[in-house]
Every structure is written in C-alpha cells, then in structure tokens.
C-alpha cells in the first residue's frame, strides 16, 4: 500500500476536474498534492518537483497531447495514471508501450482517485522489478558467454579439457581475488589483441 506521504502532481487543464482528483486524494490522506493547469509546462515542472507519482487528466485529448505525455512517461520513470474522456485501441496500445501504469477512460470520480493511484504505483513497481530482473538476466547471460569464450580459448591454446579450462579460470579468479567473468573478459580481450 503506497504511503500517504507521497508527493503527487496532478496535471490537468480543467481546474474543476483536477480539483475532483485532488479532493479524492486528500480525503484518502494524501497531503502532498500539487496541481499544474498549464499542460505545456509539465516536463519542466516534473523535472523541478520530481514527484513520486503523477496523475494526468486530459478531458478531450488530441493525439499530439497524448503522444507528448506518452513520451514523457518513457523518460521520467515515475508511476503515471491518465484520465481521459474518450480513447481508442491505438491510444491504449501507445499508453501501455510508454509505461503508463493506469489509463482510465470515462472514470472521473473522486472516490476512484486513490485506488487508481494505488494501482498505478503497484503496476509501476511490478514493471520496474521485472525490468531489473530482465537486465540482471541479460547481464548474467553475457557473463556466461564471456566465460564460455574464455574456456574455448584455453581449450584451444593450452589443449585443456572443458572442465580443466573452467577450473583454471576459477582458480585464477580466486587467486587474484577477482570475479571469474572479469578474468574471462581479460582473456578474451587479450586473445583478440594477439589474434589467437
């Protein structure tokens, strides 16, 4: 459950609609809520304020306005919920691709503000966790590839078995107090320089 101490920025050109969201959040215990009615100043305000979460209300958005916010979503790495009055499949697909955590069509009521914010934060955190896991898995795969390359070099140049090449990499890493992948990287780089 997100903390009520979050800083939340509401972006909406229509002050009445933005006030509905603000009232819902304040009634739910959020006190650090600020509003921005000048949509064109959104990027600058977000960079200056660095809010924990952002709610955007676009009463009748044009495709260009939505594209601007989708682009912004990709770069700011914050949970974003967007309220719109109308939409189509293409806009929903763009919102998902941009990482918008909640895209609510025709659902403007103050009692919905907090649950939608909570969902946006939870989805953002889940996506961020999956992204970190993916990057870690990619890094581990690259490390394994380097170790396999280094083993191949040792097998070829020193006429070792695969197990012996692995053992040599491992013992060298332990003796030099380095990670095995770092020893492998050095070996692969040296072999490339020497043309082995």
C-alpha atoms as a PDB file:
ATOM      1  CA  UNK A   1       0.000   0.000   0.000  1.00  0.00           C
ATOM      2  CA  UNK A   2       1.559   3.321  -1.046  1.00  0.00           C
ATOM      3  CA  UNK A   3       2.420   5.801   1.683  1.00  0.00           C
ATOM      4  CA  UNK A   4       0.121   8.824   2.173  1.00  0.00           C
ATOM      5  CA  UNK A   5       3.327  10.903   2.340  1.00  0.00           C
ATOM      6  CA  UNK A   6       3.882  10.574  -1.406  1.00  0.00           C
ATOM      7  CA  UNK A   7       4.302  13.744  -3.397  1.00  0.00           C
ATOM      8  CA  UNK A   8       1.696  13.689  -6.141  1.00  0.00           C
ATOM      9  CA  UNK A   9       1.461  16.029  -9.105  1.00  0.00           C
ATOM     10  CA  UNK A  10      -1.899  16.414 -10.810  1.00  0.00           C
ATOM     11  CA  UNK A  11      -1.696  17.767 -14.346  1.00  0.00           C
ATOM     12  CA  UNK A  12      -4.954  18.938 -15.848  1.00  0.00           C
ATOM     13  CA  UNK A  13      -6.094  21.886 -17.919  1.00  0.00           C
ATOM     14  CA  UNK A  14      -9.588  21.823 -16.417  1.00  0.00           C
ATOM     15  CA  UNK A  15      -9.304  23.098 -12.799  1.00  0.00           C
ATOM     16  CA  UNK A  16     -12.681  21.625 -11.813  1.00  0.00           C
ATOM     17  CA  UNK A  17     -11.766  18.130 -12.964  1.00  0.00           C
ATOM     18  CA  UNK A  18      -8.299  18.376 -11.376  1.00  0.00           C
ATOM     19  CA  UNK A  19      -9.914  19.501  -8.107  1.00  0.00           C
ATOM     20  CA  UNK A  20     -12.060  16.347  -8.092  1.00  0.00           C
ATOM     21  CA  UNK A  21      -8.916  14.206  -8.194  1.00  0.00           C
ATOM     22  CA  UNK A  22      -7.222  16.375  -5.574  1.00  0.00           C
ATOM     23  CA  UNK A  23     -10.230  16.130  -3.224  1.00  0.00           C
ATOM     24  CA  UNK A  24     -10.260  12.349  -3.580  1.00  0.00           C
ATOM     25  CA  UNK A  25      -6.569  12.088  -2.767  1.00  0.00           C
ATOM     26  CA  UNK A  26      -6.732  14.492   0.178  1.00  0.00           C
ATOM     27  CA  UNK A  27      -9.777  12.678   1.611  1.00  0.00           C
ATOM     28  CA  UNK A  28      -7.752   9.466   1.345  1.00  0.00           C
ATOM     29  CA  UNK A  29      -4.970  11.012   3.461  1.00  0.00           C
ATOM     30  CA  UNK A  30      -2.548  12.353   0.870  1.00  0.00           C
ATOM     31  CA  UNK A  31      -1.338  15.794   1.892  1.00  0.00           C
ATOM     32  CA  UNK A  32       1.488  16.463  -0.578  1.00  0.00           C
ATOM     33  CA  UNK A  33      -0.639  17.066  -3.643  1.00  0.00           C
ATOM     34  CA  UNK A  34       0.143  19.833  -6.108  1.00  0.00           C
ATOM     35  CA  UNK A  35      -1.595  20.846  -9.297  1.00  0.00           C
ATOM     36  CA  UNK A  36      -0.466  22.101 -12.654  1.00  0.00           C
ATOM     37  CA  UNK A  37      -3.007  23.516 -15.095  1.00  0.00           C
ATOM     38  CA  UNK A  38      -0.535  24.500 -17.804  1.00  0.00           C
ATOM     39  CA  UNK A  39      -0.007  21.225 -19.665  1.00  0.00           C
ATOM     40  CA  UNK A  40       2.816  22.663 -21.786  1.00  0.00           C
ATOM     41  CA  UNK A  41       4.896  23.248 -18.639  1.00  0.00           C
ATOM     42  CA  UNK A  42       4.565  19.631 -17.484  1.00  0.00           C
ATOM     43  CA  UNK A  43       8.061  18.413 -18.347  1.00  0.00           C
ATOM     44  CA  UNK A  44       9.733  21.414 -16.709  1.00  0.00           C
ATOM     45  CA  UNK A  45       7.562  21.134 -13.577  1.00  0.00           C
ATOM     46  CA  UNK A  46       8.159  17.398 -13.241  1.00  0.00           C
ATOM     47  CA  UNK A  47      11.929  17.873 -13.518  1.00  0.00           C
ATOM     48  CA  UNK A  48      11.846  20.603 -10.880  1.00  0.00           C
ATOM     49  CA  UNK A  49       9.444  18.935  -8.434  1.00  0.00           C
ATOM     50  CA  UNK A  50      10.357  15.259  -9.006  1.00  0.00           C
ATOM     51  CA  UNK A  51       7.011  13.985  -7.690  1.00  0.00           C
ATOM     52  CA  UNK A  52       6.638  10.389  -6.527  1.00  0.00           C
ATOM     53  CA  UNK A  53       3.567   9.892  -8.739  1.00  0.00           C
ATOM     54  CA  UNK A  54       1.749  11.796 -11.466  1.00  0.00           C
ATOM     55  CA  UNK A  55      -1.915  11.896 -12.367  1.00  0.00           C
ATOM     56  CA  UNK A  56      -2.793  13.445 -15.701  1.00  0.00           C
ATOM     57  CA  UNK A  57      -6.334  14.473 -16.584  1.00  0.00           C
ATOM     58  CA  UNK A  58      -6.924  15.084 -20.255  1.00  0.00           C
ATOM     59  CA  UNK A  59     -10.586  15.871 -20.765  1.00  0.00           C
ATOM     60  CA  UNK A  60     -10.576  15.744 -24.564  1.00  0.00           C
ATOM     61  CA  UNK A  61      -7.010  14.950 -25.546  1.00  0.00           C
ATOM     62  CA  UNK A  62      -5.642  15.333 -29.023  1.00  0.00           C
ATOM     63  CA  UNK A  63      -3.359  12.659 -30.349  1.00  0.00           C
ATOM     64  CA  UNK A  64      -0.411  15.059 -30.128  1.00  0.00           C
ATOM     65  CA  UNK A  65      -1.061  15.822 -26.463  1.00  0.00           C
ATOM     66  CA  UNK A  66      -1.295  12.141 -25.594  1.00  0.00           C
ATOM     67  CA  UNK A  67       1.858  11.386 -27.572  1.00  0.00           C
ATOM     68  CA  UNK A  68       3.649  14.143 -25.627  1.00  0.00           C
ATOM     69  CA  UNK A  69       2.663  12.565 -22.308  1.00  0.00           C
ATOM     70  CA  UNK A  70       3.491   9.062 -23.522  1.00  0.00           C
ATOM     71  CA  UNK A  71       6.945  10.289 -24.494  1.00  0.00           C
ATOM     72  CA  UNK A  72       7.281  11.982 -21.120  1.00  0.00           C
ATOM     73  CA  UNK A  73       6.259   8.753 -19.387  1.00  0.00           C
ATOM     74  CA  UNK A  74       9.144   6.879 -21.019  1.00  0.00           C
ATOM     75  CA  UNK A  75      11.719   9.320 -19.711  1.00  0.00           C
ATOM     76  CA  UNK A  76      10.617  10.267 -16.190  1.00  0.00           C
ATOM     77  CA  UNK A  77      10.366   6.783 -14.649  1.00  0.00           C
ATOM     78  CA  UNK A  78       7.508   7.581 -12.283  1.00  0.00           C
ATOM     79  CA  UNK A  79       4.095   5.965 -11.812  1.00  0.00           C
ATOM     80  CA  UNK A  80       1.631   7.735 -14.095  1.00  0.00           C
ATOM     81  CA  UNK A  81      -2.151   7.473 -14.196  1.00  0.00           C
ATOM     82  CA  UNK A  82      -4.006   9.154 -17.043  1.00  0.00           C
ATOM     83  CA  UNK A  83      -7.707  10.013 -17.052  1.00  0.00           C
ATOM     84  CA  UNK A  84      -9.322  10.615 -20.439  1.00  0.00           C
ATOM     85  CA  UNK A  85     -12.954  11.009 -21.508  1.00  0.00           C
ATOM     86  CA  UNK A  86     -12.550   9.087 -24.734  1.00  0.00           C
ATOM     87  CA  UNK A  87      -9.984   6.843 -26.301  1.00  0.00           C
ATOM     88  CA  UNK A  88      -9.370   4.182 -28.881  1.00  0.00           C
ATOM     89  CA  UNK A  89      -7.361   0.996 -29.129  1.00  0.00           C
ATOM     90  CA  UNK A  90      -4.346   2.699 -30.673  1.00  0.00           C
ATOM     91  CA  UNK A  91      -4.094   5.186 -27.790  1.00  0.00           C
ATOM     92  CA  UNK A  92      -4.384   2.399 -25.224  1.00  0.00           C
ATOM     93  CA  UNK A  93      -1.610   0.477 -27.000  1.00  0.00           C
ATOM     94  CA  UNK A  94       0.588   3.590 -27.000  1.00  0.00           C
ATOM     95  CA  UNK A  95      -0.109   4.143 -23.288  1.00  0.00           C
ATOM     96  CA  UNK A  96       0.923   0.584 -22.450  1.00  0.00           C
ATOM     97  CA  UNK A  97       4.045   0.833 -24.629  1.00  0.00           C
ATOM     98  CA  UNK A  98       5.004   4.096 -22.896  1.00  0.00           C
ATOM     99  CA  UNK A  99       4.730   2.509 -19.454  1.00  0.00           C
ATOM    100  CA  UNK A 100       1.642   4.400 -18.306  1.00  0.00           C
ATOM    101  CA  UNK A 101       0.555   2.414 -15.261  1.00  0.00           C
ATOM    102  CA  UNK A 102      -3.144   3.315 -15.357  1.00  0.00           C
ATOM    103  CA  UNK A 103      -5.152   4.581 -18.310  1.00  0.00           C
ATOM    104  CA  UNK A 104      -8.719   5.327 -17.231  1.00  0.00           C
ATOM    105  CA  UNK A 105     -11.380   6.120 -19.807  1.00  0.00           C
ATOM    106  CA  UNK A 106     -14.514   7.933 -18.631  1.00  0.00           C
ATOM    107  CA  UNK A 107     -13.977   7.265 -14.946  1.00  0.00           C
ATOM    108  CA  UNK A 108     -13.620  10.651 -13.265  1.00  0.00           C
ATOM    109  CA  UNK A 109     -14.934  10.381  -9.695  1.00  0.00           C
ATOM    110  CA  UNK A 110     -13.091  11.481  -6.582  1.00  0.00           C
ATOM    111  CA  UNK A 111     -13.555   8.170  -4.755  1.00  0.00           C
ATOM    112  CA  UNK A 112     -11.692   6.442  -7.605  1.00  0.00           C
ATOM    113  CA  UNK A 113      -8.599   8.679  -7.373  1.00  0.00           C
ATOM    114  CA  UNK A 114      -6.835   6.810  -4.566  1.00  0.00           C
ATOM    115  CA  UNK A 115      -7.472   3.234  -5.755  1.00  0.00           C
ATOM    116  CA  UNK A 116      -6.346   4.181  -9.259  1.00  0.00           C
ATOM    117  CA  UNK A 117      -3.221   5.858  -7.874  1.00  0.00           C
ATOM    118  CA  UNK A 118      -2.509   2.793  -5.719  1.00  0.00           C
ATOM    119  CA  UNK A 119      -2.912   0.531  -8.747  1.00  0.00           C
ATOM    120  CA  UNK A 120      -0.679   2.763 -10.875  1.00  0.00           C
ATOM    121  CA  UNK A 121       2.059   2.670  -8.247  1.00  0.00           C
ATOM    122  CA  UNK A 122       1.759  -1.098  -7.792  1.00  0.00           C
ATOM    123  CA  UNK A 123       1.876  -1.720 -11.561  1.00  0.00           C
ATOM    124  CA  UNK A 124       4.803   0.677 -11.964  1.00  0.00           C
ATOM    125  CA  UNK A 125       6.729  -1.086  -9.168  1.00  0.00           C
ATOM    126  CA  UNK A 126       5.956  -4.523 -10.623  1.00  0.00           C
ATOM    127  CA  UNK A 127       7.095  -3.416 -14.082  1.00  0.00           C
ATOM    128  CA  UNK A 128      10.260  -1.836 -12.651  1.00  0.00           C
ATOM    129  CA  UNK A 129      11.027  -5.065 -10.792  1.00  0.00           C
ATOM    130  CA  UNK A 130      10.555  -7.128 -13.964  1.00  0.00           C
ATOM    131  CA  UNK A 131      12.779  -4.710 -15.873  1.00  0.00           C
ATOM    132  CA  UNK A 132      15.531  -5.044 -13.239  1.00  0.00           C
ATOM    133  CA  UNK A 133      15.240  -8.844 -13.326  1.00  0.00           C
ATOM    134  CA  UNK A 134      15.444  -8.818 -17.128  1.00  0.00           C
ATOM    135  CA  UNK A 135      18.550  -6.626 -17.080  1.00  0.00           C
ATOM    136  CA  UNK A 136      20.128  -8.878 -14.456  1.00  0.00           C
ATOM    137  CA  UNK A 137      19.330 -11.987 -16.530  1.00  0.00           C
ATOM    138  CA  UNK A 138      20.799 -10.325 -19.637  1.00  0.00           C
ATOM    139  CA  UNK A 139      23.928  -9.433 -17.704  1.00  0.00           C
ATOM    140  CA  UNK A 140      24.283 -12.995 -16.400  1.00  0.00           C
ATOM    141  CA  UNK A 141      23.838 -14.360 -19.918  1.00  0.00           C
ATOM    142  CA  UNK A 142      26.560 -12.042 -21.227  1.00  0.00           C
ATOM    143  CA  UNK A 143      28.811 -13.135 -18.356  1.00  0.00           C
ATOM    144  CA  UNK A 144      28.222 -16.802 -19.238  1.00  0.00           C
ATOM    145  CA  UNK A 145      29.017 -16.106 -22.893  1.00  0.00           C
ATOM    146  CA  UNK A 146      32.336 -14.496 -21.912  1.00  0.00           C
ATOM    147  CA  UNK A 147      33.221 -17.422 -19.663  1.00  0.00           C
ATOM    148  CA  UNK A 148      32.375 -19.877 -22.464  1.00  0.00           C
ATOM    149  CA  UNK A 149      34.558 -17.892 -24.886  1.00  0.00           C
ATOM    150  CA  UNK A 150      37.427 -17.856 -22.394  1.00  0.00           C
ATOM    151  CA  UNK A 151      37.085 -21.593 -21.807  1.00  0.00           C
ATOM    152  CA  UNK A 152      37.194 -22.156 -25.571  1.00  0.00           C
ATOM    153  CA  UNK A 153      40.356 -20.084 -25.860  1.00  0.00           C
ATOM    154  CA  UNK A 154      42.031 -22.037 -23.048  1.00  0.00           C
ATOM    155  CA  UNK A 155      40.926 -25.359 -24.526  1.00  0.00           C
ATOM    156  CA  UNK A 156      42.298 -24.404 -27.926  1.00  0.00           C
ATOM    157  CA  UNK A 157      45.566 -22.686 -26.907  1.00  0.00           C
ATOM    158  CA  UNK A 158      46.523 -24.865 -23.926  1.00  0.00           C
ATOM    159  CA  UNK A 159      44.935 -28.110 -25.068  1.00  0.00           C
ATOM    160  CA  UNK A 160      42.770 -28.378 -21.930  1.00  0.00           C
ATOM    161  CA  UNK A 161      39.501 -30.183 -21.369  1.00  0.00           C
ATOM    162  CA  UNK A 162      36.422 -28.078 -20.735  1.00  0.00           C
ATOM    163  CA  UNK A 163      36.479 -28.962 -17.028  1.00  0.00           C
ATOM    164  CA  UNK A 164      40.185 -28.089 -16.749  1.00  0.00           C
ATOM    165  CA  UNK A 165      39.681 -24.771 -18.587  1.00  0.00           C
ATOM    166  CA  UNK A 166      36.851 -23.901 -16.217  1.00  0.00           C
ATOM    167  CA  UNK A 167      38.983 -24.917 -13.218  1.00  0.00           C
ATOM    168  CA  UNK A 168      41.853 -22.738 -14.427  1.00  0.00           C
ATOM    169  CA  UNK A 169      39.555 -19.727 -14.831  1.00  0.00           C
ATOM    170  CA  UNK A 170      38.063 -20.341 -11.399  1.00  0.00           C
ATOM    171  CA  UNK A 171      41.380 -20.791  -9.585  1.00  0.00           C
ATOM    172  CA  UNK A 172      42.873 -17.727 -11.328  1.00  0.00           C
ATOM    173  CA  UNK A 173      39.877 -15.658 -10.255  1.00  0.00           C
ATOM    174  CA  UNK A 174      40.205 -16.853  -6.650  1.00  0.00           C
ATOM    175  CA  UNK A 175      43.972 -16.294  -6.570  1.00  0.00           C
ATOM    176  CA  UNK A 176      43.613 -12.776  -7.942  1.00  0.00           C
ATOM    177  CA  UNK A 177      40.531 -12.032  -5.811  1.00  0.00           C
ATOM    178  CA  UNK A 178      38.508 -11.149  -8.896  1.00  0.00           C
ATOM    179  CA  UNK A 179      35.276 -12.344 -10.399  1.00  0.00           C
ATOM    180  CA  UNK A 180      35.612 -15.154 -12.887  1.00  0.00           C
ATOM    181  CA  UNK A 181      33.857 -13.080 -15.559  1.00  0.00           C
ATOM    182  CA  UNK A 182      36.499 -10.360 -15.172  1.00  0.00           C
ATOM    183  CA  UNK A 183      39.291 -12.904 -15.715  1.00  0.00           C
ATOM    184  CA  UNK A 184      37.372 -14.261 -18.723  1.00  0.00           C
ATOM    185  CA  UNK A 185      36.902 -10.764 -20.147  1.00  0.00           C
ATOM    186  CA  UNK A 186      40.646 -10.070 -19.837  1.00  0.00           C
ATOM    187  CA  UNK A 187      41.481 -13.359 -21.535  1.00  0.00           C
ATOM    188  CA  UNK A 188      39.042 -12.775 -24.401  1.00  0.00           C
ATOM    189  CA  UNK A 189      40.363  -9.230 -24.905  1.00  0.00           C
ATOM    190  CA  UNK A 190      43.986 -10.418 -24.864  1.00  0.00           C
ATOM    191  CA  UNK A 191      43.220 -13.213 -27.314  1.00  0.00           C
ATOM    192  CA  UNK A 192      41.542 -10.749 -29.653  1.00  0.00           C
ATOM    193  CA  UNK A 193      44.562  -8.434 -29.495  1.00  0.00           C
ATOM    194  CA  UNK A 194      47.001 -11.307 -30.114  1.00  0.00           C
ATOM    195  CA  UNK A 195      44.847 -12.847 -32.812  1.00  0.00           C
ATOM    196  CA  UNK A 196      44.551 -16.172 -31.003  1.00  0.00           C
END
